[in-house]
Every structure is written in C-alpha cells, then in structure tokens.
Protein backbone atom coordinates (compact mmCIF):
# COMPACT_ATOMS: atom_id res chain seq x y z
CA UNK A 1 -59.11 65.79 105.67
CA UNK A 2 -57.43 63.42 108.00
CA UNK A 3 -53.78 61.21 108.91
CA UNK A 4 -53.64 58.51 110.98
CA UNK A 5 -50.10 57.70 113.13
CA UNK A 6 -49.52 54.84 113.93
CA UNK A 7 -45.88 54.70 115.91
CA UNK A 8 -45.06 54.20 119.53
CA UNK A 9 -41.98 56.63 120.35
CA UNK A 10 -43.81 59.79 121.59
CA UNK A 11 -41.58 62.23 120.75
CA UNK A 12 -42.11 61.32 116.65
CA UNK A 13 -45.50 61.85 117.69
CA UNK A 14 -45.55 64.91 118.96
CA UNK A 15 -42.72 66.09 116.08
CA UNK A 16 -44.95 64.71 113.49
CA UNK A 17 -48.34 65.64 115.13
CA UNK A 18 -47.04 70.29 114.33
CA UNK A 19 -46.20 69.20 111.36
CA UNK A 20 -49.36 67.59 109.82
CA UNK A 21 -51.65 69.99 111.28
CA UNK A 22 -49.51 72.74 110.23
CA UNK A 23 -50.16 71.82 106.76
CA UNK A 24 -53.94 72.19 107.34
CA UNK A 25 -54.94 68.08 107.99
CA UNK A 26 -56.26 66.66 111.20
CA UNK A 27 -54.35 64.59 113.24
CA UNK A 28 -55.42 61.40 114.47
CA UNK A 29 -52.47 59.31 116.55
CA UNK A 30 -52.72 55.21 117.63
CA UNK A 31 -49.54 54.07 119.49
CA UNK A 32 -50.23 50.68 119.00
CA UNK A 33 -51.31 48.24 116.03
CA UNK A 34 -54.86 46.88 118.35
CA UNK A 35 -55.51 50.65 118.44
CA UNK A 36 -54.50 50.88 114.82
CA UNK A 37 -57.73 49.15 113.24
CA UNK A 38 -59.45 50.79 115.79
CA UNK A 39 -59.07 54.03 115.24
CA UNK A 40 -58.82 53.42 111.31
CA UNK A 41 -62.41 51.99 111.96
CA UNK A 42 -63.35 54.54 113.66
CA UNK A 43 -62.52 58.06 112.16
CA UNK A 44 -61.79 55.93 108.04
CA UNK A 45 -58.31 59.03 106.96
CA UNK A 46 -57.99 59.38 103.95
CA UNK A 47 -54.82 58.62 104.74
CA UNK A 48 -52.39 56.56 107.44
CA UNK A 49 -48.65 56.67 108.26
CA UNK A 50 -47.75 53.56 109.78
CA UNK A 51 -44.55 52.59 111.26
CA UNK A 52 -43.13 48.65 111.28
CA UNK A 53 -42.36 48.73 114.59
CA UNK A 54 -44.97 49.04 116.98
CA UNK A 55 -46.80 46.81 119.47
CA UNK A 56 -49.48 44.22 119.45
CA UNK A 57 -49.27 43.78 115.79
CA UNK A 58 -47.07 45.04 113.81
CA UNK A 59 -47.27 47.71 110.77
CA UNK A 60 -47.13 44.85 108.23
CA UNK A 61 -50.02 43.47 109.39
CA UNK A 62 -51.76 46.17 110.36
CA UNK A 63 -51.60 47.34 106.66
CA UNK A 64 -52.43 43.73 105.53
CA UNK A 65 -55.65 43.79 107.66
CA UNK A 66 -57.10 47.70 106.46
CA UNK A 67 -56.25 46.07 102.99
CA UNK A 68 -59.28 43.51 103.97
CA UNK A 69 -61.52 46.36 103.95
CA UNK A 70 -59.85 49.45 102.25
CA UNK A 71 -58.13 49.26 98.90
CA UNK A 72 -57.88 52.79 98.41
CA UNK A 73 -57.03 54.58 101.22
CA UNK A 74 -53.03 55.85 100.34
CA UNK A 75 -51.14 53.80 103.36
CA UNK A 76 -47.39 55.12 104.07
CA UNK A 77 -44.72 53.22 105.38
CA UNK A 78 -42.69 54.46 108.29
CA UNK A 79 -39.41 51.92 109.00
CA UNK A 80 -35.48 52.23 110.46
CA UNK A 81 -34.87 50.06 107.60
CA UNK A 82 -33.84 51.16 104.38
CA UNK A 83 -33.08 47.55 102.80
CA UNK A 84 -35.12 45.54 99.86
CA UNK A 85 -36.45 42.98 101.50
CA UNK A 86 -38.44 44.91 104.53
CA UNK A 87 -39.23 47.59 101.74
CA UNK A 88 -40.78 44.17 99.19
CA UNK A 89 -42.27 43.17 102.19
CA UNK A 90 -43.93 46.53 103.46
CA UNK A 91 -45.49 46.07 99.90
CA UNK A 92 -46.46 43.14 99.62
CA UNK A 93 -48.29 44.15 102.56
CA UNK A 94 -50.21 46.57 100.69
CA UNK A 95 -48.62 49.96 101.19
CA UNK A 96 -48.15 52.40 98.64
CA UNK A 97 -45.20 54.03 99.86
CA UNK A 98 -42.13 53.90 102.02
CA UNK A 99 -39.94 56.58 104.01
CA UNK A 100 -36.87 56.23 105.52
CA UNK A 101 -36.20 57.41 108.55
CA UNK A 102 -34.58 60.14 109.57
CA UNK A 103 -36.81 61.77 106.58
CA UNK A 104 -36.89 65.98 106.61
CA UNK A 105 -40.01 67.63 107.91
CA UNK A 106 -39.98 69.08 103.17
CA UNK A 107 -39.74 64.81 102.16
CA UNK A 108 -42.77 63.38 104.40
CA UNK A 109 -45.21 66.67 103.58
CA UNK A 110 -44.40 66.16 99.07
CA UNK A 111 -45.29 62.21 99.30
CA UNK A 112 -48.37 62.86 100.97
CA UNK A 113 -49.13 65.36 98.84
CA UNK A 114 -48.48 62.91 95.36
CA UNK A 115 -50.18 60.15 97.67
CA UNK A 116 -53.73 62.30 98.29
CA UNK A 117 -53.19 63.03 94.60
CA UNK A 118 -53.05 59.96 92.87
CA UNK A 119 -55.58 58.34 95.44
CA UNK A 120 -58.34 61.77 93.72
CA UNK A 121 -57.32 61.14 90.24
CA UNK A 122 -57.99 56.94 90.27
CA UNK A 123 -61.44 57.69 91.84
CA UNK A 124 -62.12 60.32 89.65
CA UNK A 125 -61.46 57.30 86.24
CA UNK A 126 -62.54 54.70 87.82
CA UNK A 127 -66.20 54.29 86.57
CA UNK A 128 -68.91 55.62 89.16
CA UNK A 129 -70.56 52.24 88.22
CA UNK A 130 -67.94 50.62 89.79
CA UNK A 131 -68.30 51.79 92.83
CA UNK A 132 -71.70 51.34 93.30
CA UNK A 133 -72.87 48.01 92.32
CA UNK A 134 -71.64 44.63 92.37
CA UNK A 135 -69.98 43.41 88.57
CA UNK A 136 -70.12 39.65 88.33
CA UNK A 137 -67.48 38.27 84.76
CA UNK A 138 -68.59 34.43 84.97
CA UNK A 139 -66.65 33.31 87.60
CA UNK A 140 -65.19 36.46 88.92
CA UNK A 141 -67.50 38.97 90.90
CA UNK A 142 -66.32 42.24 92.64
CA UNK A 143 -68.11 44.25 94.97
CA UNK A 144 -67.28 47.58 95.56
CA UNK A 145 -69.37 48.28 98.67
CA UNK A 146 -66.87 46.09 100.62
CA UNK A 147 -63.92 45.98 98.50
CA UNK A 148 -64.46 42.27 97.74
CA UNK A 149 -63.35 39.86 94.90
CA UNK A 150 -63.74 36.51 94.70
CA UNK A 151 -63.05 33.42 92.42
CA UNK A 152 -65.66 30.47 93.01
CA UNK A 153 -67.49 32.08 95.90
CA UNK A 154 -63.17 32.58 96.99
CA UNK A 155 -61.92 35.86 97.80
CA UNK A 156 -58.39 36.79 96.72
CA UNK A 157 -56.16 39.21 97.89
CA UNK A 158 -55.19 41.63 95.53
CA UNK A 159 -53.55 44.65 96.40
CA UNK A 160 -54.74 48.32 95.97
CA UNK A 161 -53.43 49.03 92.84
CA UNK A 162 -53.79 45.56 91.07
CA UNK A 163 -58.04 45.95 92.63
CA UNK A 164 -58.21 49.37 91.51
CA UNK A 165 -56.30 47.63 87.94
CA UNK A 166 -59.57 44.77 88.09
CA UNK A 167 -62.65 47.70 89.08
CA UNK A 168 -61.33 49.64 85.96
CA UNK A 169 -61.83 46.94 83.84
CA UNK A 170 -65.04 45.41 84.93
CA UNK A 171 -66.29 49.01 84.53
CA UNK A 172 -66.23 48.01 80.71
CA UNK A 173 -66.43 44.18 80.53
CA UNK A 174 -64.48 43.03 77.51
CA UNK A 175 -63.25 46.58 76.63
CA UNK A 176 -59.39 46.78 75.22
CA UNK A 177 -57.72 48.83 77.97
CA UNK A 178 -54.19 49.94 76.74
CA UNK A 179 -50.50 49.75 79.13
CA UNK A 180 -51.31 53.96 78.34
CA UNK A 181 -54.64 53.25 79.07
CA UNK A 182 -53.90 51.34 82.74
CA UNK A 183 -51.68 54.47 83.78
CA UNK A 184 -52.52 56.77 83.53
CA UNK A 185 -55.58 56.11 85.09
CA UNK A 186 -54.44 54.15 88.14
CA UNK A 187 -51.08 56.14 88.44
CA UNK A 188 -51.54 59.25 87.39
CA UNK A 189 -49.25 61.68 85.00
CA UNK A 190 -46.63 62.14 87.59
CA UNK A 191 -45.06 58.77 87.41
CA UNK A 192 -43.12 58.44 84.40
CA UNK A 193 -44.53 55.55 82.50
CA UNK A 194 -41.53 53.83 81.72
CA UNK A 195 -41.22 52.46 85.61
CA UNK A 196 -44.45 50.41 85.47
CA UNK A 197 -44.45 46.84 84.29
CA UNK A 198 -48.03 46.73 83.84
CA UNK A 199 -47.82 42.73 82.29
CA UNK A 200 -46.22 41.82 85.43
CA UNK A 201 -49.56 43.34 87.51
CA UNK A 202 -51.13 41.43 84.76
CA UNK A 203 -49.43 38.54 85.44
CA UNK A 204 -50.39 39.03 89.16
CA UNK A 205 -53.95 38.67 88.78
CA UNK A 206 -54.17 36.24 86.16
CA UNK A 207 -52.47 34.21 89.28
CA UNK A 208 -54.62 34.90 91.37
CA UNK A 209 -58.36 34.67 89.61
CA UNK A 210 -57.59 32.48 86.55
CA UNK A 211 -58.06 27.87 87.35
CA UNK A 212 -54.22 28.09 84.64
CA UNK A 213 -52.91 31.43 84.22
CA UNK A 214 -50.77 30.48 81.47
CA UNK A 215 -54.32 30.14 79.58
CA UNK A 216 -56.39 33.00 81.19
CA UNK A 217 -60.14 33.12 80.61
CA UNK A 218 -61.03 36.33 82.89
CA UNK A 219 -58.41 38.32 81.91
CA UNK A 220 -56.89 38.02 78.03
CA UNK A 221 -54.17 39.94 75.80
CA UNK A 222 -54.81 41.67 72.50
CA UNK A 223 -51.90 41.30 71.04
CA UNK A 224 -50.36 44.03 69.87
CA UNK A 225 -52.60 46.36 72.01
CA UNK A 226 -54.21 45.62 75.30
CA UNK A 227 -55.84 43.81 77.97
CA UNK A 228 -59.15 42.91 78.56
CA UNK A 229 -61.70 41.44 80.75
CA UNK A 230 -64.40 39.51 80.00
CA UNK A 231 -66.12 39.31 75.96
C-alpha cells in the first residue's frame, strides 16, 4: 500500500519516512500543495497524510481538490493547532481524521490502520453495481467513475461520508435503510453507534440535493424505520 505525506518540514518528512516504510508501506512525499496534487494523480496513494501549513496550496485546499476526484481515499490532517475551529475546517474540507502535533509514532500507526480498515469495510459493503455504472434516480445522477453526484445537471459537492451514504442507498432504490444499517456499512463495527448522528448526515445531504430540504422528494424518511432513496 502507498502512503503519501504532504509536508514541507524536512525533519518530519525524514522521520515519517522511517516510520511508514518500517511499517511496510511505500512512502511518497510532496513539499507543497501543487506538487501534492500532481503526485496524487501519478501514484494514486491508499492514504494521504496532509499537513495544514504547506506552500502554494494549504492543506485544506489540497484536501478539497483531492475530494473532487476521489471520495474514498482516507485523508489524515496534521496540524500544530488543536482548536475546534481548525478541526471543523479540516473535516469540512473532506478529511477523515485529525492528528495534532506533536504525536507519538504508535498513535499515528494506529490511526493509519483504522482509516485503512474503515476504507476496506466501506468498499466491501458498497453495492458493486454502484461502483461500476452511472445510476439515475429522479433528477439525481451518481457517476461512480468520476465520483460525481449531480442534480438537474448541477454538480453537488458532497463530503466523503455523504457520498458513501448516497452511493450505498442508490444501489437499492426504494429500500429502507435503518440507522444501524448505515453505520455498519459506512463506519464499521469499530465505531460506537452512539457517537454518530445519522440524521445530521441525512439533513446535510438533503440540503445539497433537494429543492426543498424540509419536504424531500429524493431522500425520504420512513417513519419509525429509517431512510430510503427513490421510490
């Protein structure tokens, strides 16, 4: 598996190269945001470790650009800041996890392991037909080849988890998914169900795909059971 680091601090790059290669991964490094996007396109890494403060394009901008073409690759943000505002920006940009500097080698490797296992779990549970062909449900079009979702010919900018939810449900139009179904398929068993607010994810998706989110026609609630996409 390939891991790509984006960081302009030589000492950290050298240290992480030793840690990551010792753990059995191929290591790639870019020292600015533009080079990071070029390297990402060439190597297609299995996981990205992304420092916030890098030249040309900052880490948040790089994360957003990656998410335009790849909704599944795990992205771990590194930052010297640990405040909630900084973390909120990172997660909104499409990051999957956030690690504050300085950090222990063991914690970094544990987070890498969890992110890769979560990605594998998601890929196993997503319906294969959703991953290989374009799907249309009403005005909603999901193109898994381009990782694009559009409504009435307008591209919709979904976060990775939102994309995974809608792709999963699109494989079974009209099927009712319970909260537990979605958590098992998208997040996996390693996450405590009480810490995940599925209704919040559903609300955010509706705000992006529905003409009237308060009266949804595409992503509907089935009272006392769960949610369905299409009829």
